[in-house]
């Protein structure tokens, strides 16, 4: 019976490609499902049968541990160089976008509160 190995919702394309390569390299038969036209289905990588689930899960866990350690080291290096992105650096990069978003927020807040202010 088919079994879900890896959910693909909100997964970067490079990670999904790496998982596909990993399964191909170890001759593990799988198929993919997409989110469908409206995006409500479960996108994922499924094994055709659960006889190799333990092996596939072990390979996937090892890959994800390696990916996590690489991402953490990249983040720590950026932090050490002082390149950490904060709200203030994002606002400095695109001040017009921040001003427009704040104006929209204040407008929605005004519309929401105004009926109660006239009581």
N, C-alpha and C. Protein backbone atom coordinates (compact mmCIF):
# COMPACT_ATOMS: atom_id res chain seq x y z
N UNK A 1 0.85 -1.18 0.00
CA UNK A 1 0.00 0.00 0.00
C UNK A 1 0.89 1.24 0.00
N UNK A 2 0.47 2.27 -0.70
CA UNK A 2 1.23 3.51 -0.79
C UNK A 2 1.26 4.21 0.56
N UNK A 3 2.39 4.86 0.81
CA UNK A 3 2.56 5.57 2.09
C UNK A 3 3.25 6.90 1.82
N UNK A 4 2.78 7.95 2.51
CA UNK A 4 3.36 9.29 2.35
C UNK A 4 4.72 9.34 3.03
N UNK A 5 5.73 9.73 2.29
CA UNK A 5 7.07 9.85 2.83
C UNK A 5 7.42 11.29 3.16
N UNK A 6 7.05 12.23 2.27
CA UNK A 6 7.54 13.60 2.40
C UNK A 6 6.49 14.56 1.86
N UNK A 7 6.02 15.47 2.71
CA UNK A 7 5.06 16.48 2.27
C UNK A 7 5.80 17.59 1.54
N UNK A 8 5.24 18.02 0.42
CA UNK A 8 5.90 19.03 -0.40
C UNK A 8 5.32 20.43 -0.25
N UNK A 9 4.35 20.62 0.62
CA UNK A 9 3.76 21.95 0.81
C UNK A 9 4.79 22.85 1.51
N UNK A 10 5.05 24.01 0.90
CA UNK A 10 6.00 25.01 1.42
C UNK A 10 7.44 24.50 1.48
N UNK A 11 7.79 23.57 0.62
CA UNK A 11 9.15 23.04 0.55
C UNK A 11 9.87 23.73 -0.60
N UNK A 12 11.08 24.24 -0.38
CA UNK A 12 11.82 24.86 -1.49
C UNK A 12 12.09 23.85 -2.60
N UNK A 13 12.16 24.35 -3.83
CA UNK A 13 12.36 23.48 -4.99
C UNK A 13 13.66 22.69 -4.91
N UNK A 14 14.72 23.32 -4.40
CA UNK A 14 16.00 22.61 -4.33
C UNK A 14 15.94 21.45 -3.33
N UNK A 15 15.22 21.61 -2.24
CA UNK A 15 15.10 20.52 -1.28
C UNK A 15 14.29 19.36 -1.87
N UNK A 16 13.20 19.67 -2.56
CA UNK A 16 12.39 18.63 -3.20
C UNK A 16 13.22 17.90 -4.26
N UNK A 17 14.01 18.62 -5.02
CA UNK A 17 14.86 17.99 -6.03
C UNK A 17 15.91 17.09 -5.37
N UNK A 18 16.47 17.53 -4.27
CA UNK A 18 17.44 16.71 -3.54
C UNK A 18 16.82 15.41 -3.04
N UNK A 19 15.59 15.49 -2.54
CA UNK A 19 14.90 14.30 -2.04
C UNK A 19 14.63 13.34 -3.19
N UNK A 20 14.21 13.87 -4.33
CA UNK A 20 13.99 13.01 -5.50
C UNK A 20 15.27 12.31 -5.92
N UNK A 21 16.37 13.08 -5.98
CA UNK A 21 17.67 12.50 -6.34
C UNK A 21 18.09 11.41 -5.36
N UNK A 22 17.88 11.66 -4.08
CA UNK A 22 18.24 10.71 -3.04
C UNK A 22 17.49 9.39 -3.22
N UNK A 23 16.21 9.50 -3.51
CA UNK A 23 15.41 8.28 -3.70
C UNK A 23 15.80 7.55 -4.98
N UNK A 24 16.08 8.31 -6.05
CA UNK A 24 16.52 7.68 -7.30
C UNK A 24 17.86 6.99 -7.11
N UNK A 25 18.77 7.62 -6.38
CA UNK A 25 20.10 7.06 -6.17
C UNK A 25 20.05 5.73 -5.42
N UNK A 26 19.05 5.55 -4.57
CA UNK A 26 18.93 4.32 -3.80
C UNK A 26 17.86 3.38 -4.36
N UNK A 27 17.41 3.65 -5.58
CA UNK A 27 16.42 2.81 -6.28
C UNK A 27 15.17 2.55 -5.44
N UNK A 28 14.66 3.61 -4.84
CA UNK A 28 13.42 3.52 -4.08
C UNK A 28 12.31 4.06 -4.97
N UNK A 29 11.32 3.20 -5.26
CA UNK A 29 10.22 3.59 -6.16
C UNK A 29 9.27 4.54 -5.43
N UNK A 30 8.96 5.65 -6.10
CA UNK A 30 8.08 6.65 -5.51
C UNK A 30 7.29 7.34 -6.60
N UNK A 31 6.29 8.09 -6.20
CA UNK A 31 5.56 8.96 -7.11
C UNK A 31 5.18 10.22 -6.36
N UNK A 32 4.81 11.25 -7.13
CA UNK A 32 4.48 12.54 -6.53
C UNK A 32 3.03 12.90 -6.79
N UNK A 33 2.47 13.64 -5.85
CA UNK A 33 1.17 14.25 -6.06
C UNK A 33 1.35 15.76 -5.95
N UNK A 34 0.54 16.49 -6.69
CA UNK A 34 0.61 17.94 -6.66
C UNK A 34 -0.52 18.49 -5.81
N UNK A 35 -0.50 19.80 -5.61
CA UNK A 35 -1.55 20.45 -4.84
C UNK A 35 -2.83 20.61 -5.65
N UNK A 36 -2.78 20.28 -6.91
CA UNK A 36 -3.96 20.39 -7.76
C UNK A 36 -4.16 21.80 -8.28
N UNK A 37 -5.21 21.97 -9.04
CA UNK A 37 -5.49 23.26 -9.66
C UNK A 37 -5.80 24.35 -8.64
N UNK A 38 -6.48 23.98 -7.57
CA UNK A 38 -6.88 24.97 -6.57
C UNK A 38 -5.97 24.98 -5.35
N UNK A 39 -4.99 24.11 -5.31
CA UNK A 39 -4.04 24.10 -4.21
C UNK A 39 -4.57 23.51 -2.92
N UNK A 40 -5.58 22.66 -3.00
CA UNK A 40 -6.16 22.10 -1.77
C UNK A 40 -5.77 20.65 -1.53
N UNK A 41 -5.19 19.98 -2.51
CA UNK A 41 -4.77 18.59 -2.34
C UNK A 41 -3.43 18.53 -1.61
N UNK A 42 -3.04 17.33 -1.23
CA UNK A 42 -1.78 17.13 -0.50
C UNK A 42 -0.64 16.88 -1.47
N UNK A 43 0.23 17.89 -1.66
CA UNK A 43 1.40 17.62 -2.49
C UNK A 43 2.41 16.81 -1.67
N UNK A 44 2.94 15.78 -2.27
CA UNK A 44 3.88 14.97 -1.51
C UNK A 44 4.59 13.95 -2.37
N UNK A 45 5.56 13.30 -1.73
CA UNK A 45 6.28 12.20 -2.34
C UNK A 45 5.82 10.95 -1.60
N UNK A 46 5.33 10.01 -2.35
CA UNK A 46 4.75 8.79 -1.80
C UNK A 46 5.57 7.59 -2.25
N UNK A 47 5.72 6.62 -1.37
CA UNK A 47 6.34 5.35 -1.74
C UNK A 47 5.25 4.42 -2.27
N UNK A 48 5.59 3.62 -3.27
CA UNK A 48 4.61 2.70 -3.84
C UNK A 48 4.17 1.66 -2.82
N UNK A 49 5.12 1.17 -2.04
CA UNK A 49 4.77 0.22 -0.97
C UNK A 49 5.60 0.55 0.26
N UNK A 50 5.14 0.08 1.39
CA UNK A 50 5.80 0.45 2.64
C UNK A 50 6.92 -0.50 3.05
N UNK A 51 7.33 -1.40 2.14
CA UNK A 51 8.38 -2.35 2.49
C UNK A 51 9.74 -1.66 2.66
N UNK A 52 9.96 -0.54 1.99
CA UNK A 52 11.25 0.18 2.12
C UNK A 52 11.09 1.51 2.85
N UNK A 53 10.01 1.63 3.61
CA UNK A 53 9.74 2.88 4.32
C UNK A 53 10.82 3.19 5.34
N UNK A 54 11.27 2.21 6.10
CA UNK A 54 12.28 2.45 7.12
C UNK A 54 13.58 2.94 6.50
N UNK A 55 13.98 2.32 5.39
CA UNK A 55 15.20 2.74 4.71
C UNK A 55 15.06 4.17 4.16
N UNK A 56 13.93 4.44 3.53
CA UNK A 56 13.71 5.78 2.97
C UNK A 56 13.65 6.83 4.08
N UNK A 57 12.99 6.52 5.17
CA UNK A 57 12.90 7.45 6.30
C UNK A 57 14.28 7.73 6.88
N UNK A 58 15.13 6.70 7.00
CA UNK A 58 16.49 6.89 7.52
C UNK A 58 17.30 7.78 6.59
N UNK A 59 17.20 7.54 5.28
CA UNK A 59 17.90 8.39 4.31
C UNK A 59 17.42 9.84 4.39
N UNK A 60 16.12 10.02 4.50
CA UNK A 60 15.54 11.35 4.56
C UNK A 60 15.94 12.07 5.85
N UNK A 61 15.94 11.35 6.96
CA UNK A 61 16.35 11.96 8.23
C UNK A 61 17.82 12.40 8.19
N UNK A 62 18.68 11.57 7.61
CA UNK A 62 20.09 11.93 7.49
C UNK A 62 20.25 13.16 6.61
N UNK A 63 19.55 13.20 5.47
CA UNK A 63 19.62 14.35 4.57
C UNK A 63 19.15 15.62 5.27
N UNK A 64 18.04 15.54 6.00
CA UNK A 64 17.50 16.73 6.65
C UNK A 64 18.41 17.21 7.78
N UNK A 65 19.07 16.31 8.48
CA UNK A 65 20.02 16.72 9.52
C UNK A 65 21.20 17.46 8.90
N UNK A 66 21.69 16.97 7.77
CA UNK A 66 22.80 17.64 7.08
C UNK A 66 22.35 19.01 6.58
N UNK A 67 21.17 19.09 5.99
CA UNK A 67 20.65 20.36 5.48
C UNK A 67 20.44 21.37 6.61
N UNK A 68 19.96 20.89 7.74
CA UNK A 68 19.75 21.78 8.89
C UNK A 68 21.07 22.32 9.41
N UNK A 69 22.08 21.47 9.51
CA UNK A 69 23.38 21.95 10.02
C UNK A 69 24.01 22.95 9.06
N UNK A 70 23.85 22.73 7.74
CA UNK A 70 24.38 23.68 6.77
C UNK A 70 23.65 25.02 6.86
N UNK A 71 22.33 24.99 6.99
CA UNK A 71 21.57 26.24 7.09
C UNK A 71 21.92 26.97 8.38
N UNK A 72 22.09 26.23 9.45
CA UNK A 72 22.44 26.87 10.73
C UNK A 72 23.82 27.51 10.66
N UNK A 73 24.79 26.82 10.04
CA UNK A 73 26.13 27.41 9.94
C UNK A 73 26.12 28.64 9.03
N UNK A 74 25.34 28.61 7.97
CA UNK A 74 25.22 29.78 7.10
C UNK A 74 24.62 30.96 7.86
N UNK A 75 23.59 30.70 8.65
CA UNK A 75 22.97 31.76 9.45
C UNK A 75 23.94 32.31 10.47
N UNK A 76 24.68 31.43 11.14
CA UNK A 76 25.63 31.89 12.16
C UNK A 76 26.76 32.70 11.54
N UNK A 77 27.20 32.33 10.34
CA UNK A 77 28.23 33.11 9.65
C UNK A 77 27.71 34.49 9.28
N UNK A 78 26.48 34.57 8.81
CA UNK A 78 25.89 35.86 8.47
C UNK A 78 25.72 36.70 9.73
N UNK A 79 25.35 36.07 10.81
CA UNK A 79 25.20 36.76 12.09
C UNK A 79 26.54 37.30 12.57
N UNK A 80 27.60 36.53 12.42
CA UNK A 80 28.93 36.95 12.83
C UNK A 80 29.44 38.12 11.98
N UNK A 81 29.04 38.14 10.69
CA UNK A 81 29.46 39.25 9.81
C UNK A 81 28.58 40.48 9.98
N UNK A 82 27.52 40.36 10.78
CA UNK A 82 26.63 41.49 10.99
C UNK A 82 25.63 41.69 9.86
N UNK A 83 25.33 40.64 9.13
CA UNK A 83 24.42 40.74 7.99
C UNK A 83 23.02 40.23 8.33
N UNK A 84 22.69 40.18 9.58
CA UNK A 84 21.38 39.67 9.98
C UNK A 84 20.30 40.66 9.57
N UNK A 85 19.23 40.15 8.95
CA UNK A 85 18.14 41.02 8.50
C UNK A 85 17.17 41.23 9.64
N UNK A 86 16.84 42.47 9.90
CA UNK A 86 15.88 42.82 10.93
C UNK A 86 14.74 43.62 10.29
N UNK A 87 13.77 43.97 11.09
CA UNK A 87 12.66 44.78 10.59
C UNK A 87 13.18 46.13 10.10
N UNK A 88 14.14 46.68 10.81
CA UNK A 88 14.67 47.99 10.45
C UNK A 88 15.47 47.94 9.15
N UNK A 89 16.23 46.86 8.92
CA UNK A 89 16.97 46.76 7.66
C UNK A 89 16.01 46.54 6.49
N UNK A 90 14.94 45.79 6.72
CA UNK A 90 13.95 45.61 5.67
C UNK A 90 13.24 46.92 5.35
N UNK A 91 12.95 47.72 6.40
CA UNK A 91 12.32 49.02 6.19
C UNK A 91 13.26 49.97 5.45
N UNK A 92 14.55 49.88 5.74
CA UNK A 92 15.52 50.73 5.07
C UNK A 92 15.69 50.33 3.61
N UNK A 93 15.52 49.05 3.30
CA UNK A 93 15.66 48.58 1.92
C UNK A 93 14.51 49.04 1.03
N UNK A 94 13.30 49.07 1.59
CA UNK A 94 12.14 49.49 0.79
C UNK A 94 11.19 50.33 1.64
N UNK A 95 11.55 51.61 1.86
CA UNK A 95 10.73 52.46 2.73
C UNK A 95 9.34 52.75 2.16
N UNK A 96 9.21 52.86 0.84
CA UNK A 96 7.91 53.14 0.25
C UNK A 96 6.92 51.99 0.52
N UNK A 97 7.40 50.78 0.42
CA UNK A 97 6.56 49.62 0.68
C UNK A 97 6.09 49.62 2.14
N UNK A 98 6.98 49.95 3.05
CA UNK A 98 6.62 49.99 4.47
C UNK A 98 5.60 51.09 4.73
N UNK A 99 5.78 52.24 4.13
CA UNK A 99 4.85 53.35 4.31
C UNK A 99 3.47 52.99 3.77
N UNK A 100 3.42 52.37 2.60
CA UNK A 100 2.14 51.97 2.02
C UNK A 100 1.44 50.90 2.87
N UNK A 101 2.20 49.96 3.38
CA UNK A 101 1.61 48.94 4.24
C UNK A 101 1.08 49.53 5.54
N UNK A 102 1.81 50.45 6.12
CA UNK A 102 1.34 51.12 7.34
C UNK A 102 0.09 51.95 7.06
N UNK A 103 0.06 52.63 5.92
CA UNK A 103 -1.12 53.41 5.56
C UNK A 103 -2.33 52.50 5.38
N UNK A 104 -2.15 51.36 4.74
CA UNK A 104 -3.25 50.41 4.56
C UNK A 104 -3.72 49.87 5.90
N UNK A 105 -2.80 49.61 6.78
CA UNK A 105 -3.13 49.11 8.12
C UNK A 105 -3.92 50.15 8.90
N UNK A 106 -3.49 51.39 8.84
CA UNK A 106 -4.20 52.45 9.55
C UNK A 106 -5.59 52.69 8.95
N UNK A 107 -5.72 52.57 7.63
CA UNK A 107 -7.02 52.72 7.00
C UNK A 107 -7.99 51.63 7.44
N UNK A 108 -7.54 50.39 7.46
CA UNK A 108 -8.39 49.28 7.91
C UNK A 108 -8.75 49.46 9.37
N UNK A 109 -7.81 49.89 10.17
CA UNK A 109 -8.09 50.14 11.60
C UNK A 109 -9.12 51.26 11.76
N UNK A 110 -8.98 52.31 10.98
CA UNK A 110 -9.94 53.42 11.03
C UNK A 110 -11.34 52.96 10.66
N UNK A 111 -11.45 52.19 9.58
CA UNK A 111 -12.76 51.70 9.12
C UNK A 111 -13.36 50.78 10.18
N UNK A 112 -12.53 50.00 10.85
CA UNK A 112 -13.02 49.04 11.83
C UNK A 112 -13.50 49.73 13.11
N UNK A 113 -12.84 50.79 13.51
CA UNK A 113 -13.15 51.45 14.78
C UNK A 113 -14.18 52.57 14.63
N UNK A 114 -14.25 53.19 13.49
CA UNK A 114 -15.10 54.38 13.29
C UNK A 114 -16.57 54.18 13.68
N UNK A 115 -17.24 53.08 13.35
CA UNK A 115 -18.63 52.93 13.75
C UNK A 115 -18.84 52.98 15.27
N UNK A 116 -17.86 52.55 16.02
CA UNK A 116 -17.99 52.54 17.47
C UNK A 116 -17.66 53.89 18.11
N UNK A 117 -16.98 54.74 17.37
CA UNK A 117 -16.58 56.04 17.89
C UNK A 117 -17.75 57.04 17.86
N UNK A 118 -18.78 56.77 17.09
CA UNK A 118 -19.89 57.70 16.95
C UNK A 118 -21.02 57.42 17.94
N UNK A 119 -20.86 56.47 18.80
CA UNK A 119 -21.90 56.14 19.77
C UNK A 119 -22.00 57.13 20.85
